[in-house]
Amino acid sequence: MPNYNFKCLDCHKIFEIRATIKEMEEGKFSCKNCKSKNVKRVFDSFGICTSGGSCPTCSTGNCSICGS
């Protein structure tokens, strides 16, 4: 099952969702931080961090891509 990155348009957090294609088509996701349903899918830049220190692949704050 693939992982997808989303950004909450309310609290601006980036988070990752593991979902099936069917679940992606239904699009019923909410922010893991604030529970808002106002989210937008964002796309990875294939190993180049452009998220300004809030990488979706690093929830611990020790990102090997951007160093945050």
PDB file of N, CA and C in Angstrom:
ATOM      1  N   MET A   1       0.850  -1.167   0.000  1.00  0.00           N
ATOM      2  CA  MET A   1       0.000   0.000   0.000  1.00  0.00           C
ATOM      3  C   MET A   1       0.905   1.244   0.000  1.00  0.00           C
ATOM      4  N   PRO A   2       0.691   2.156  -0.933  1.00  0.00           N
ATOM      5  CA  PRO A   2       1.561   3.332  -1.021  1.00  0.00           C
ATOM      6  C   PRO A   2       1.274   4.384   0.043  1.00  0.00           C
ATOM      7  N   ASN A   3       2.279   5.225   0.280  1.00  0.00           N
ATOM      8  CA  ASN A   3       2.161   6.361   1.194  1.00  0.00           C
ATOM      9  C   ASN A   3       1.932   7.626   0.377  1.00  0.00           C
ATOM     10  N   TYR A   4       1.126   8.522   0.912  1.00  0.00           N
ATOM     11  CA  TYR A   4       0.823   9.793   0.271  1.00  0.00           C
ATOM     12  C   TYR A   4       1.039  10.909   1.275  1.00  0.00           C
ATOM     13  N   ASN A   5       1.556  12.024   0.812  1.00  0.00           N
ATOM     14  CA  ASN A   5       1.796  13.175   1.676  1.00  0.00           C
ATOM     15  C   ASN A   5       0.697  14.209   1.477  1.00  0.00           C
ATOM     16  N   PHE A   6       0.247  14.761   2.596  1.00  0.00           N
ATOM     17  CA  PHE A   6      -0.796  15.776   2.591  1.00  0.00           C
ATOM     18  C   PHE A   6      -0.355  16.955   3.434  1.00  0.00           C
ATOM     19  N   LYS A   7      -0.917  18.122   3.131  1.00  0.00           N
ATOM     20  CA  LYS A   7      -0.700  19.305   3.944  1.00  0.00           C
ATOM     21  C   LYS A   7      -2.052  19.815   4.403  1.00  0.00           C
ATOM     22  N   CYS A   8      -2.142  20.105   5.679  1.00  0.00           N
ATOM     23  CA  CYS A   8      -3.358  20.683   6.237  1.00  0.00           C
ATOM     24  C   CYS A   8      -3.375  22.172   5.892  1.00  0.00           C
ATOM     25  N   LEU A   9      -4.459  22.616   5.301  1.00  0.00           N
ATOM     26  CA  LEU A   9      -4.576  24.019   4.926  1.00  0.00           C
ATOM     27  C   LEU A   9      -5.019  24.892   6.095  1.00  0.00           C
ATOM     28  N   ASP A  10      -5.326  24.278   7.232  1.00  0.00           N
ATOM     29  CA  ASP A  10      -5.696  25.032   8.427  1.00  0.00           C
ATOM     30  C   ASP A  10      -4.496  25.227   9.365  1.00  0.00           C
ATOM     31  N   CYS A  11      -3.827  24.125   9.748  1.00  0.00           N
ATOM     32  CA  CYS A  11      -2.699  24.249  10.684  1.00  0.00           C
ATOM     33  C   CYS A  11      -1.340  24.192   9.974  1.00  0.00           C
ATOM     34  N   HIS A  12      -1.343  23.921   8.665  1.00  0.00           N
ATOM     35  CA  HIS A  12      -0.151  23.931   7.812  1.00  0.00           C
ATOM     36  C   HIS A  12       0.833  22.797   8.094  1.00  0.00           C
ATOM     37  N   LYS A  13       0.416  21.770   8.803  1.00  0.00           N
ATOM     38  CA  LYS A  13       1.269  20.611   9.050  1.00  0.00           C
ATOM     39  C   LYS A  13       1.259  19.697   7.838  1.00  0.00           C
ATOM     40  N   ILE A  14       2.397  19.061   7.571  1.00  0.00           N
ATOM     41  CA  ILE A  14       2.501  18.056   6.520  1.00  0.00           C
ATOM     42  C   ILE A  14       2.493  16.701   7.206  1.00  0.00           C
ATOM     43  N   PHE A  15       1.707  15.775   6.667  1.00  0.00           N
ATOM     44  CA  PHE A  15       1.613  14.450   7.265  1.00  0.00           C
ATOM     45  C   PHE A  15       1.486  13.403   6.173  1.00  0.00           C
ATOM     46  N   GLU A  16       1.718  12.163   6.566  1.00  0.00           N
ATOM     47  CA  GLU A  16       1.728  11.045   5.624  1.00  0.00           C
ATOM     48  C   GLU A  16       0.552  10.119   5.899  1.00  0.00           C
ATOM     49  N   ILE A  17      -0.060   9.647   4.824  1.00  0.00           N
ATOM     50  CA  ILE A  17      -1.164   8.697   4.905  1.00  0.00           C
ATOM     51  C   ILE A  17      -0.798   7.465   4.087  1.00  0.00           C
ATOM     52  N   ARG A  18      -1.017   6.305   4.624  1.00  0.00           N
ATOM     53  CA  ARG A  18      -0.880   5.056   3.877  1.00  0.00           C
ATOM     54  C   ARG A  18      -2.295   4.660   3.466  1.00  0.00           C
ATOM     55  N   ALA A  19      -2.524   4.584   2.138  1.00  0.00           N
ATOM     56  CA  ALA A  19      -3.888   4.359   1.661  1.00  0.00           C
ATOM     57  C   ALA A  19      -3.902   3.534   0.388  1.00  0.00           C
ATOM     58  N   THR A  20      -5.011   2.847   0.187  1.00  0.00           N
ATOM     59  CA  THR A  20      -5.227   2.119  -1.065  1.00  0.00           C
ATOM     60  C   THR A  20      -5.665   3.112  -2.139  1.00  0.00           C
ATOM     61  N   ILE A  21      -5.650   2.685  -3.376  1.00  0.00           N
ATOM     62  CA  ILE A  21      -6.114   3.538  -4.470  1.00  0.00           C
ATOM     63  C   ILE A  21      -7.580   3.890  -4.259  1.00  0.00           C
ATOM     64  N   LYS A  22      -8.376   2.937  -3.802  1.00  0.00           N
ATOM     65  CA  LYS A  22      -9.793   3.199  -3.548  1.00  0.00           C
ATOM     66  C   LYS A  22      -9.968   4.277  -2.474  1.00  0.00           C
ATOM     67  N   GLU A  23      -9.197   4.175  -1.403  1.00  0.00           N
ATOM     68  CA  GLU A  23      -9.264   5.184  -0.337  1.00  0.00           C
ATOM     69  C   GLU A  23      -8.854   6.562  -0.862  1.00  0.00           C
ATOM     70  N   MET A  24      -7.862   6.597  -1.761  1.00  0.00           N
ATOM     71  CA  MET A  24      -7.440   7.867  -2.349  1.00  0.00           C
ATOM     72  C   MET A  24      -8.551   8.462  -3.201  1.00  0.00           C
ATOM     73  N   GLU A  25      -9.258   7.612  -3.945  1.00  0.00           N
ATOM     74  CA  GLU A  25     -10.362   8.091  -4.770  1.00  0.00           C
ATOM     75  C   GLU A  25     -11.487   8.660  -3.917  1.00  0.00           C
ATOM     76  N   GLU A  26     -11.733   8.041  -2.764  1.00  0.00           N
ATOM     77  CA  GLU A  26     -12.773   8.529  -1.850  1.00  0.00           C
ATOM     78  C   GLU A  26     -12.344   9.839  -1.189  1.00  0.00           C
ATOM     79  N   GLY A  27     -11.048   9.974  -0.912  1.00  0.00           N
ATOM     80  CA  GLY A  27     -10.486  11.211  -0.392  1.00  0.00           C
ATOM     81  C   GLY A  27     -11.029  11.677   0.941  1.00  0.00           C
ATOM     82  N   LYS A  28     -11.298  10.782   1.843  1.00  0.00           N
ATOM     83  CA  LYS A  28     -11.866  11.138   3.146  1.00  0.00           C
ATOM     84  C   LYS A  28     -10.772  11.170   4.213  1.00  0.00           C
ATOM     85  N   PHE A  29      -9.807  12.062   4.047  1.00  0.00           N
ATOM     86  CA  PHE A  29      -8.688  12.142   4.979  1.00  0.00           C
ATOM     87  C   PHE A  29      -8.804  13.382   5.834  1.00  0.00           C
ATOM     88  N   SER A  30      -8.233  13.312   7.024  1.00  0.00           N
ATOM     89  CA  SER A  30      -8.208  14.477   7.899  1.00  0.00           C
ATOM     90  C   SER A  30      -6.805  14.623   8.481  1.00  0.00           C
ATOM     91  N   CYS A  31      -6.492  15.829   8.899  1.00  0.00           N
ATOM     92  CA  CYS A  31      -5.186  16.153   9.454  1.00  0.00           C
ATOM     93  C   CYS A  31      -4.942  15.355  10.730  1.00  0.00           C
ATOM     94  N   LYS A  32      -3.765  14.795  10.848  1.00  0.00           N
ATOM     95  CA  LYS A  32      -3.410  14.039  12.046  1.00  0.00           C
ATOM     96  C   LYS A  32      -3.185  14.962  13.244  1.00  0.00           C
ATOM     97  N   ASN A  33      -2.921  16.235  12.974  1.00  0.00           N
ATOM     98  CA  ASN A  33      -2.640  17.191  14.042  1.00  0.00           C
ATOM     99  C   ASN A  33      -3.912  17.842  14.593  1.00  0.00           C
ATOM    100  N   CYS A  34      -4.707  18.448  13.701  1.00  0.00           N
ATOM    101  CA  CYS A  34      -5.873  19.219  14.170  1.00  0.00           C
ATOM    102  C   CYS A  34      -7.216  18.608  13.765  1.00  0.00           C
ATOM    103  N   LYS A  35      -7.178  17.501  13.038  1.00  0.00           N
ATOM    104  CA  LYS A  35      -8.384  16.761  12.608  1.00  0.00           C
ATOM    105  C   LYS A  35      -9.204  17.471  11.527  1.00  0.00           C
ATOM    106  N   SER A  36      -8.684  18.552  10.969  1.00  0.00           N
ATOM    107  CA  SER A  36      -9.379  19.262   9.900  1.00  0.00           C
ATOM    108  C   SER A  36      -9.455  18.385   8.648  1.00  0.00           C
ATOM    109  N   LYS A  37     -10.524  18.518   7.902  1.00  0.00           N
ATOM    110  CA  LYS A  37     -10.664  17.814   6.627  1.00  0.00           C
ATOM    111  C   LYS A  37     -10.223  18.703   5.458  1.00  0.00           C
ATOM    112  N   ASN A  38      -9.725  19.889   5.762  1.00  0.00           N
ATOM    113  CA  ASN A  38      -9.255  20.837   4.764  1.00  0.00           C
ATOM    114  C   ASN A  38      -7.789  20.534   4.442  1.00  0.00           C
ATOM    115  N   VAL A  39      -7.564  19.430   3.705  1.00  0.00           N
ATOM    116  CA  VAL A  39      -6.218  18.968   3.398  1.00  0.00           C
ATOM    117  C   VAL A  39      -6.017  18.891   1.888  1.00  0.00           C
ATOM    118  N   LYS A  40      -4.749  18.982   1.489  1.00  0.00           N
ATOM    119  CA  LYS A  40      -4.384  18.933   0.081  1.00  0.00           C
ATOM    120  C   LYS A  40      -3.192  18.003  -0.081  1.00  0.00           C
ATOM    121  N   ARG A  41      -3.227  17.193  -1.108  1.00  0.00           N
ATOM    122  CA  ARG A  41      -2.112  16.292  -1.362  1.00  0.00           C
ATOM    123  C   ARG A  41      -0.919  17.093  -1.869  1.00  0.00           C
ATOM    124  N   VAL A  42       0.258  16.755  -1.337  1.00  0.00           N
ATOM    125  CA  VAL A  42       1.509  17.360  -1.797  1.00  0.00           C
ATOM    126  C   VAL A  42       2.397  16.257  -2.339  1.00  0.00           C
ATOM    127  N   PHE A  43       3.291  16.609  -3.220  1.00  0.00           N
ATOM    128  CA  PHE A  43       4.133  15.622  -3.872  1.00  0.00           C
ATOM    129  C   PHE A  43       5.568  15.749  -3.423  1.00  0.00           C
ATOM    130  N   ASP A  44       6.236  14.597  -3.257  1.00  0.00           N
ATOM    131  CA  ASP A  44       7.640  14.558  -2.870  1.00  0.00           C
ATOM    132  C   ASP A  44       8.513  15.112  -3.978  1.00  0.00           C
ATOM    133  N   SER A  45       9.680  15.569  -3.584  1.00  0.00           N
ATOM    134  CA  SER A  45      10.645  16.052  -4.561  1.00  0.00           C
ATOM    135  C   SER A  45      11.801  15.069  -4.697  1.00  0.00           C
ATOM    136  N   PHE A  46      11.534  13.799  -4.443  1.00  0.00           N
ATOM    137  CA  PHE A  46      12.476  12.710  -4.656  1.00  0.00           C
ATOM    138  C   PHE A  46      13.830  12.938  -3.986  1.00  0.00           C
ATOM    139  N   GLY A  47      13.796  13.094  -2.666  1.00  0.00           N
ATOM    140  CA  GLY A  47      15.022  13.180  -1.892  1.00  0.00           C
ATOM    141  C   GLY A  47      15.552  14.592  -1.684  1.00  0.00           C
ATOM    142  N   ILE A  48      14.917  15.574  -2.266  1.00  0.00           N
ATOM    143  CA  ILE A  48      15.342  16.953  -2.071  1.00  0.00           C
ATOM    144  C   ILE A  48      14.285  17.650  -1.227  1.00  0.00           C
ATOM    145  N   CYS A  49      14.644  18.014  -0.044  1.00  0.00           N
ATOM    146  CA  CYS A  49      13.674  18.627   0.860  1.00  0.00           C
ATOM    147  C   CYS A  49      13.449  20.080   0.486  1.00  0.00           C
ATOM    148  N   THR A  50      12.193  20.429   0.239  1.00  0.00           N
ATOM    149  CA  THR A  50      11.835  21.816  -0.066  1.00  0.00           C
ATOM    150  C   THR A  50      10.782  22.319   0.905  1.00  0.00           C
ATOM    151  N   SER A  51      10.583  21.591   1.987  1.00  0.00           N
ATOM    152  CA  SER A  51       9.497  21.934   2.898  1.00  0.00           C
ATOM    153  C   SER A  51       9.923  22.861   4.029  1.00  0.00           C
ATOM    154  N   GLY A  52      11.125  23.395   3.970  1.00  0.00           N
ATOM    155  CA  GLY A  52      11.549  24.367   4.977  1.00  0.00           C
ATOM    156  C   GLY A  52      11.709  23.782   6.364  1.00  0.00           C
ATOM    157  N   GLY A  53      12.150  22.531   6.469  1.00  0.00           N
ATOM    158  CA  GLY A  53      12.401  21.932   7.766  1.00  0.00           C
ATOM    159  C   GLY A  53      11.247  21.138   8.343  1.00  0.00           C
ATOM    160  N   SER A  54      10.170  20.978   7.597  1.00  0.00           N
ATOM    161  CA  SER A  54       9.062  20.163   8.099  1.00  0.00           C
ATOM    162  C   SER A  54       8.779  19.023   7.125  1.00  0.00           C
ATOM    163  N   CYS A  55       9.771  18.188   6.933  1.00  0.00           N
ATOM    164  CA  CYS A  55       9.661  17.083   5.977  1.00  0.00           C
ATOM    165  C   CYS A  55       8.562  16.109   6.371  1.00  0.00           C
ATOM    166  N   PRO A  56       7.750  15.676   5.397  1.00  0.00           N
ATOM    167  CA  PRO A  56       6.718  14.699   5.694  1.00  0.00           C
ATOM    168  C   PRO A  56       7.281  13.325   6.018  1.00  0.00           C
ATOM    169  N   THR A  57       8.547  13.087   5.655  1.00  0.00           N
ATOM    170  CA  THR A  57       9.155  11.788   5.928  1.00  0.00           C
ATOM    171  C   THR A  57       9.804  11.730   7.294  1.00  0.00           C
ATOM    172  N   CYS A  58       9.793  12.838   8.017  1.00  0.00           N
ATOM    173  CA  CYS A  58      10.478  12.872   9.309  1.00  0.00           C
ATOM    174  C   CYS A  58       9.578  13.429  10.392  1.00  0.00           C
ATOM    175  N   SER A  59       8.995  12.566  11.169  1.00  0.00           N
ATOM    176  CA  SER A  59       8.126  13.019  12.239  1.00  0.00           C
ATOM    177  C   SER A  59       8.890  13.211  13.551  1.00  0.00           C
ATOM    178  N   THR A  60      10.157  12.810  13.571  1.00  0.00           N
ATOM    179  CA  THR A  60      10.928  12.895  14.810  1.00  0.00           C
ATOM    180  C   THR A  60      11.764  14.149  14.932  1.00  0.00           C
ATOM    181  N   GLY A  61      11.923  14.882  13.822  1.00  0.00           N
ATOM    182  CA  GLY A  61      12.766  16.077  13.857  1.00  0.00           C
ATOM    183  C   GLY A  61      14.219  15.790  13.559  1.00  0.00           C
ATOM    184  N   ASN A  62      14.547  14.573  13.139  1.00  0.00           N
ATOM    185  CA  ASN A  62      15.906  14.208  12.766  1.00  0.00           C
ATOM    186  C   ASN A  62      15.943  13.753  11.328  1.00  0.00           C
ATOM    187  N   CYS A  63      15.692  14.657  10.421  1.00  0.00           N
ATOM    188  CA  CYS A  63      15.554  14.310   9.010  1.00  0.00           C
ATOM    189  C   CYS A  63      16.912  14.167   8.335  1.00  0.00           C
ATOM    190  N   SER A  64      17.112  13.076   7.635  1.00  0.00           N
ATOM    191  CA  SER A  64      18.361  12.868   6.918  1.00  0.00           C
ATOM    192  C   SER A  64      18.386  13.619   5.599  1.00  0.00           C
ATOM    193  N   ILE A  65      17.250  14.142   5.172  1.00  0.00           N
ATOM    194  CA  ILE A  65      17.193  14.873   3.910  1.00  0.00           C
ATOM    195  C   ILE A  65      17.489  16.344   4.130  1.00  0.00           C
ATOM    196  N   CYS A  66      16.783  16.978   5.049  1.00  0.00           N
ATOM    197  CA  CYS A  66      16.958  18.423   5.224  1.00  0.00           C
ATOM    198  C   CYS A  66      17.767  18.776   6.468  1.00  0.00           C
ATOM    199  N   GLY A  67      18.053  17.797   7.313  1.00  0.00           N
ATOM    200  CA  GLY A  67      18.873  18.041   8.490  1.00  0.00           C
ATOM    201  C   GLY A  67      18.136  18.642   9.662  1.00  0.00           C
ATOM    202  N   SER A  68      16.818  18.732   9.574  1.00  0.00           N
ATOM    203  CA  SER A  68      16.066  19.322  10.689  1.00  0.00           C
ATOM    204  C   SER A  68      15.780  18.306  11.756  1.00  0.00           C
TER     205      SER A  68
END
